[in-house]
Amino acid sequence: MFNRVFIVAAIVALSAVSLVARAADPVPAKVADSLRQMLESPATGLKVASIEASEIVGMYAVQFEQGPLVYASANGQFFIVGDLFTVGPAGYVNLAEKRRDGMRAEELAALDPGDMIIFPAEGETRSHITVFTDVTCFYCQKLHREVPALNKRGVEVRYLAYPRAGMESEGYRKLATAWCADNPSLILTRLKNGESVPDNVCKGTPIADQYQLGQSLGVRGTPAIVTASGQMIPGYQSADELMVTLGLQ
């Protein structure tokens, strides 16, 4: 509780000081080189993926490959692990999460739709969600029953595989059975309805890559819903709740 209060107090104090920089400002090559030299650690496998100016002058947002986002001083001698907030008329805004939203949106946009199991919108596609799913998960099954309602309201549902018990689990075998099927959406629906479907694990599925991608994007459980803008919604929401979240009510 003390740490939470201290962090909030620090956020408010920072917001009151004129230290805000433009995050789009270019990073000097000398600063980028210094940050990589100081922060990368071959021994632990830590490798810098990107460096951007943060919203606070003199601090840089450093994203590690398959690792955390940190805010570092220009020389790399000091860094903070945690989220950066701003305070305004609308209240607290998590700037670090907004950065992660953009990263998630870019990562998902680069995927081949042919590697997903997609339930298309009926009529005009108004938006889409990407769902990391596991057929053995109760709330994944519950969310799947909302898919027809979402499709009718113009929301496309794109599934990625996330066997939460790992690549040697029953969940993996069932997901592979769906991804290997001639009609993946039908088999996925049958499995999520609790029907018995013989295992059909073929070679060359994208499940391992999707599982690793989910971990790198911060998925810790299923379902994990990602909106078109990259916002992650951990857990279940009904069709009505999702329409509000998507601003499509």
Protein backbone atom coordinates (compact mmCIF):
# COMPACT_ATOMS: atom_id res chain seq x y z
CA MET A 1 0.00 0.00 0.00
CA PHE A 2 2.84 2.38 0.87
CA ASN A 3 4.51 1.74 -2.50
CA ARG A 4 1.26 2.35 -4.37
CA VAL A 5 0.68 5.64 -2.56
CA PHE A 6 4.28 6.70 -3.10
CA ILE A 7 4.05 5.94 -6.83
CA VAL A 8 0.81 7.91 -7.20
CA ALA A 9 2.32 10.84 -5.31
CA ALA A 10 5.37 10.76 -7.55
CA ILE A 11 3.15 10.71 -10.64
CA VAL A 12 1.27 13.77 -9.47
CA ALA A 13 4.50 15.58 -8.60
CA LEU A 14 6.03 14.84 -11.98
CA SER A 15 2.93 15.96 -13.80
CA ALA A 16 3.12 19.35 -12.11
CA VAL A 17 6.65 20.03 -13.39
CA SER A 18 7.39 21.25 -16.91
CA LEU A 19 9.47 18.26 -17.91
CA VAL A 20 7.36 16.94 -20.75
CA ALA A 21 9.18 16.21 -24.00
CA ARG A 22 7.79 15.15 -27.31
CA ALA A 23 8.00 11.37 -27.56
CA ALA A 24 8.45 11.67 -31.33
CA ASP A 25 11.76 13.57 -30.98
CA PRO A 26 14.66 11.69 -32.63
CA VAL A 27 17.14 9.90 -30.39
CA PRO A 28 20.74 11.09 -30.92
CA ALA A 29 22.95 8.29 -32.19
CA LYS A 30 25.40 8.85 -29.33
CA VAL A 31 22.60 8.38 -26.77
CA ALA A 32 21.29 5.24 -28.50
CA ASP A 33 24.78 3.72 -28.60
CA SER A 34 25.34 4.54 -24.93
CA LEU A 35 22.03 3.03 -23.87
CA ARG A 36 22.66 -0.18 -25.78
CA GLN A 37 26.18 -0.48 -24.38
CA MET A 38 24.99 0.04 -20.82
CA LEU A 39 21.72 -1.87 -20.82
CA GLU A 40 22.25 -4.86 -23.08
CA SER A 41 23.43 -7.96 -21.26
CA PRO A 42 24.57 -10.92 -23.40
CA ALA A 43 24.88 -13.05 -20.26
CA THR A 44 21.15 -12.78 -19.58
CA GLY A 45 20.04 -12.48 -23.20
CA LEU A 46 18.74 -8.93 -22.73
CA LYS A 47 18.80 -7.12 -26.07
CA VAL A 48 17.41 -3.67 -26.82
CA ALA A 49 14.67 -3.71 -29.44
CA SER A 50 13.92 0.01 -29.67
CA ILE A 51 14.80 3.35 -28.10
CA GLU A 52 12.52 6.39 -28.20
CA ALA A 53 12.43 9.75 -26.49
CA SER A 54 10.00 9.57 -23.58
CA GLU A 55 7.55 12.22 -22.47
CA ILE A 56 10.03 13.43 -19.83
CA VAL A 57 13.08 15.39 -20.96
CA GLY A 58 16.29 13.42 -20.42
CA MET A 59 14.57 10.05 -20.10
CA TYR A 60 14.32 7.49 -22.89
CA ALA A 61 11.84 4.65 -23.36
CA VAL A 62 13.87 1.49 -23.95
CA GLN A 63 12.03 -1.64 -25.05
CA PHE A 64 13.87 -4.94 -24.65
CA GLU A 65 13.26 -7.82 -27.04
CA GLN A 66 10.79 -10.13 -25.29
CA GLY A 67 11.39 -8.11 -22.16
CA PRO A 68 10.20 -5.07 -20.25
CA LEU A 69 9.85 -1.43 -21.21
CA VAL A 70 12.13 0.72 -19.04
CA TYR A 71 12.75 4.46 -18.76
CA ALA A 72 16.48 5.23 -18.76
CA SER A 73 18.71 8.26 -18.33
CA ALA A 74 20.65 9.34 -21.43
CA ASN A 75 23.88 7.71 -20.24
CA GLY A 76 22.13 4.47 -19.27
CA GLN A 77 23.43 4.55 -15.71
CA PHE A 78 19.94 4.80 -14.24
CA PHE A 79 16.67 3.27 -15.34
CA ILE A 80 13.18 2.76 -13.95
CA VAL A 81 11.12 -0.38 -14.49
CA GLY A 82 7.45 0.49 -14.41
CA ASP A 83 4.74 2.50 -16.09
CA LEU A 84 4.86 6.22 -16.78
CA PHE A 85 1.63 8.12 -16.18
CA THR A 86 0.45 11.61 -17.03
CA VAL A 87 -2.31 13.42 -15.18
CA GLY A 88 -4.82 15.58 -16.97
CA PRO A 89 -8.50 16.54 -17.10
CA ALA A 90 -9.44 12.92 -17.84
CA GLY A 91 -7.43 11.63 -14.87
CA TYR A 92 -4.48 9.25 -15.01
CA VAL A 93 -3.27 8.14 -18.46
CA ASN A 94 -0.82 5.25 -18.66
CA LEU A 95 1.67 6.39 -21.29
CA ALA A 96 3.69 3.17 -21.07
CA GLU A 97 0.59 1.11 -21.84
CA LYS A 98 -0.14 3.33 -24.84
CA ARG A 99 3.34 2.52 -26.15
CA ARG A 100 2.63 -1.17 -25.65
CA ASP A 101 -0.69 -0.76 -27.48
CA GLY A 102 1.14 0.54 -30.55
CA MET A 103 3.69 -2.26 -30.39
CA ARG A 104 0.97 -4.93 -30.10
CA ALA A 105 -0.97 -3.45 -33.02
CA GLU A 106 2.16 -3.50 -35.21
CA GLU A 107 3.08 -7.06 -34.24
CA LEU A 108 -0.40 -8.39 -34.94
CA ALA A 109 -0.75 -6.48 -38.21
CA ALA A 110 2.38 -8.24 -39.47
CA LEU A 111 0.86 -11.72 -39.01
CA ASP A 112 -0.42 -13.80 -41.91
CA PRO A 113 -4.23 -14.01 -41.64
CA GLY A 114 -3.92 -17.52 -43.05
CA ASP A 115 -2.30 -18.59 -39.79
CA MET A 116 -5.32 -17.45 -37.77
CA ILE A 117 -8.76 -18.97 -37.35
CA ILE A 118 -11.05 -16.12 -38.35
CA PHE A 119 -14.77 -15.63 -37.81
CA PRO A 120 -15.62 -12.79 -40.22
CA ALA A 121 -18.08 -10.00 -39.58
CA GLU A 122 -21.46 -10.10 -41.25
CA GLY A 123 -21.86 -7.26 -43.73
CA GLU A 124 -19.56 -4.29 -43.18
CA THR A 125 -16.54 -4.95 -40.96
CA ARG A 126 -16.58 -2.20 -38.37
CA SER A 127 -13.62 -3.46 -36.33
CA HIS A 128 -11.83 -6.61 -35.27
CA ILE A 129 -10.42 -8.24 -32.18
CA THR A 130 -7.57 -10.72 -31.91
CA VAL A 131 -7.98 -13.35 -29.21
CA PHE A 132 -5.26 -15.56 -27.75
CA THR A 133 -7.25 -18.66 -26.89
CA ASP A 134 -7.09 -22.13 -25.38
CA VAL A 135 -9.98 -24.53 -25.93
CA THR A 136 -9.65 -26.00 -22.41
CA CYS A 137 -10.31 -22.59 -20.81
CA PHE A 138 -13.88 -22.06 -19.48
CA TYR A 139 -13.94 -18.34 -20.22
CA CYS A 140 -12.54 -18.97 -23.72
CA GLN A 141 -15.50 -21.27 -24.29
CA LYS A 142 -17.85 -18.64 -22.89
CA LEU A 143 -16.37 -15.92 -25.08
CA HIS A 144 -16.72 -18.14 -28.15
CA ARG A 145 -20.47 -18.27 -27.58
CA GLU A 146 -20.44 -14.47 -27.98
CA VAL A 147 -18.77 -14.63 -31.40
CA PRO A 148 -21.99 -14.86 -33.48
CA ALA A 149 -23.33 -11.73 -31.73
CA LEU A 150 -20.06 -9.91 -32.39
CA ASN A 151 -20.06 -10.96 -36.03
CA LYS A 152 -23.63 -9.71 -36.48
CA ARG A 153 -22.55 -6.32 -35.11
CA GLY A 154 -19.69 -6.02 -37.57
CA VAL A 155 -16.79 -7.27 -35.43
CA GLU A 156 -14.40 -9.80 -36.92
CA VAL A 157 -12.90 -12.27 -34.43
CA ARG A 158 -9.38 -13.50 -35.13
CA TYR A 159 -8.06 -16.39 -33.04
CA LEU A 160 -4.45 -17.11 -32.17
CA ALA A 161 -3.43 -20.23 -30.27
CA TYR A 162 -2.18 -19.94 -26.70
CA PRO A 163 -1.92 -23.33 -24.95
CA ARG A 164 -1.67 -21.99 -21.40
CA ALA A 165 -0.26 -25.26 -20.02
CA GLY A 166 2.51 -25.32 -22.61
CA MET A 167 3.41 -27.06 -25.83
CA GLU A 168 3.19 -30.59 -24.38
CA SER A 169 -0.30 -30.16 -22.98
CA GLU A 170 -3.72 -31.47 -23.86
CA GLY A 171 -4.65 -27.90 -24.74
CA TYR A 172 -1.90 -27.81 -27.35
CA ARG A 173 -3.10 -31.07 -28.93
CA LYS A 174 -6.66 -29.78 -29.13
CA LEU A 175 -5.57 -26.45 -30.60
CA ALA A 176 -3.40 -28.27 -33.13
CA THR A 177 -6.39 -30.44 -34.04
CA ALA A 178 -8.34 -27.30 -34.92
CA TRP A 179 -5.47 -25.62 -36.79
CA CYS A 180 -4.75 -28.82 -38.76
CA ALA A 181 -8.38 -29.40 -39.76
CA ASP A 182 -9.82 -28.91 -43.24
CA ASN A 183 -12.43 -26.65 -41.61
CA PRO A 184 -10.60 -25.06 -38.66
CA SER A 185 -13.45 -22.79 -37.52
CA LEU A 186 -15.88 -25.72 -37.36
CA ILE A 187 -13.48 -27.93 -35.39
CA LEU A 188 -12.55 -25.08 -33.04
CA THR A 189 -16.24 -24.49 -32.34
CA ARG A 190 -16.85 -28.18 -31.70
CA LEU A 191 -13.92 -28.37 -29.31
CA LYS A 192 -15.05 -25.28 -27.43
CA ASN A 193 -18.52 -26.79 -27.17
CA GLY A 194 -16.97 -29.75 -25.35
CA GLU A 195 -17.45 -32.22 -28.19
CA SER A 196 -15.04 -35.11 -28.58
CA VAL A 197 -12.79 -34.70 -31.62
CA PRO A 198 -9.93 -37.13 -32.37
CA ASP A 199 -6.47 -35.59 -32.04
CA ASN A 200 -5.00 -34.51 -35.35
CA VAL A 201 -1.58 -32.97 -34.72
CA CYS A 202 0.14 -32.15 -37.99
CA LYS A 203 3.52 -30.59 -38.72
CA GLY A 204 4.05 -26.95 -39.58
CA THR A 205 1.39 -25.33 -37.41
CA PRO A 206 1.96 -21.72 -36.25
CA ILE A 207 0.98 -22.57 -32.66
CA ALA A 208 4.49 -22.42 -31.17
CA ASP A 209 5.12 -19.03 -32.77
CA GLN A 210 1.74 -17.71 -31.63
CA TYR A 211 2.34 -18.96 -28.09
CA GLN A 212 5.73 -17.22 -28.00
CA LEU A 213 4.21 -14.05 -29.48
CA GLY A 214 1.54 -14.04 -26.79
CA GLN A 215 4.17 -14.29 -24.07
CA SER A 216 6.19 -11.43 -25.60
CA LEU A 217 3.05 -9.25 -25.79
CA GLY A 218 2.23 -9.79 -22.12
CA VAL A 219 -0.40 -12.54 -22.30
CA ARG A 220 -0.60 -14.24 -18.90
CA GLY A 221 -3.88 -16.10 -19.25
CA THR A 222 -6.72 -16.78 -21.63
CA PRO A 223 -8.71 -15.38 -23.19
CA ALA A 224 -6.54 -12.36 -23.90
CA ILE A 225 -8.33 -9.97 -26.23
CA VAL A 226 -6.44 -7.37 -28.25
CA THR A 227 -8.36 -4.61 -30.01
CA ALA A 228 -7.49 -3.15 -33.41
CA SER A 229 -5.66 -0.31 -31.65
CA GLY A 230 -3.54 -2.77 -29.65
CA GLN A 231 -5.33 -2.40 -26.31
CA MET A 232 -5.16 -5.64 -24.36
CA ILE A 233 -8.20 -6.81 -22.42
CA PRO A 234 -7.18 -9.62 -20.06
CA GLY A 235 -10.08 -11.96 -19.51
CA TYR A 236 -13.67 -12.35 -20.62
CA GLN A 237 -16.06 -9.66 -21.77
CA SER A 238 -19.54 -10.21 -23.15
CA ALA A 239 -20.47 -9.03 -26.63
CA ASP A 240 -22.29 -6.03 -25.14
CA GLU A 241 -19.27 -5.11 -23.01
CA LEU A 242 -16.89 -5.50 -25.94
CA MET A 243 -18.99 -3.22 -28.13
CA VAL A 244 -18.66 -0.52 -25.46
CA THR A 245 -14.90 -1.16 -25.18
CA LEU A 246 -14.57 -0.85 -28.96
CA GLY A 247 -16.67 2.32 -29.03
CA LEU A 248 -19.22 0.69 -31.31
CA GLN A 249 -22.25 0.61 -29.03
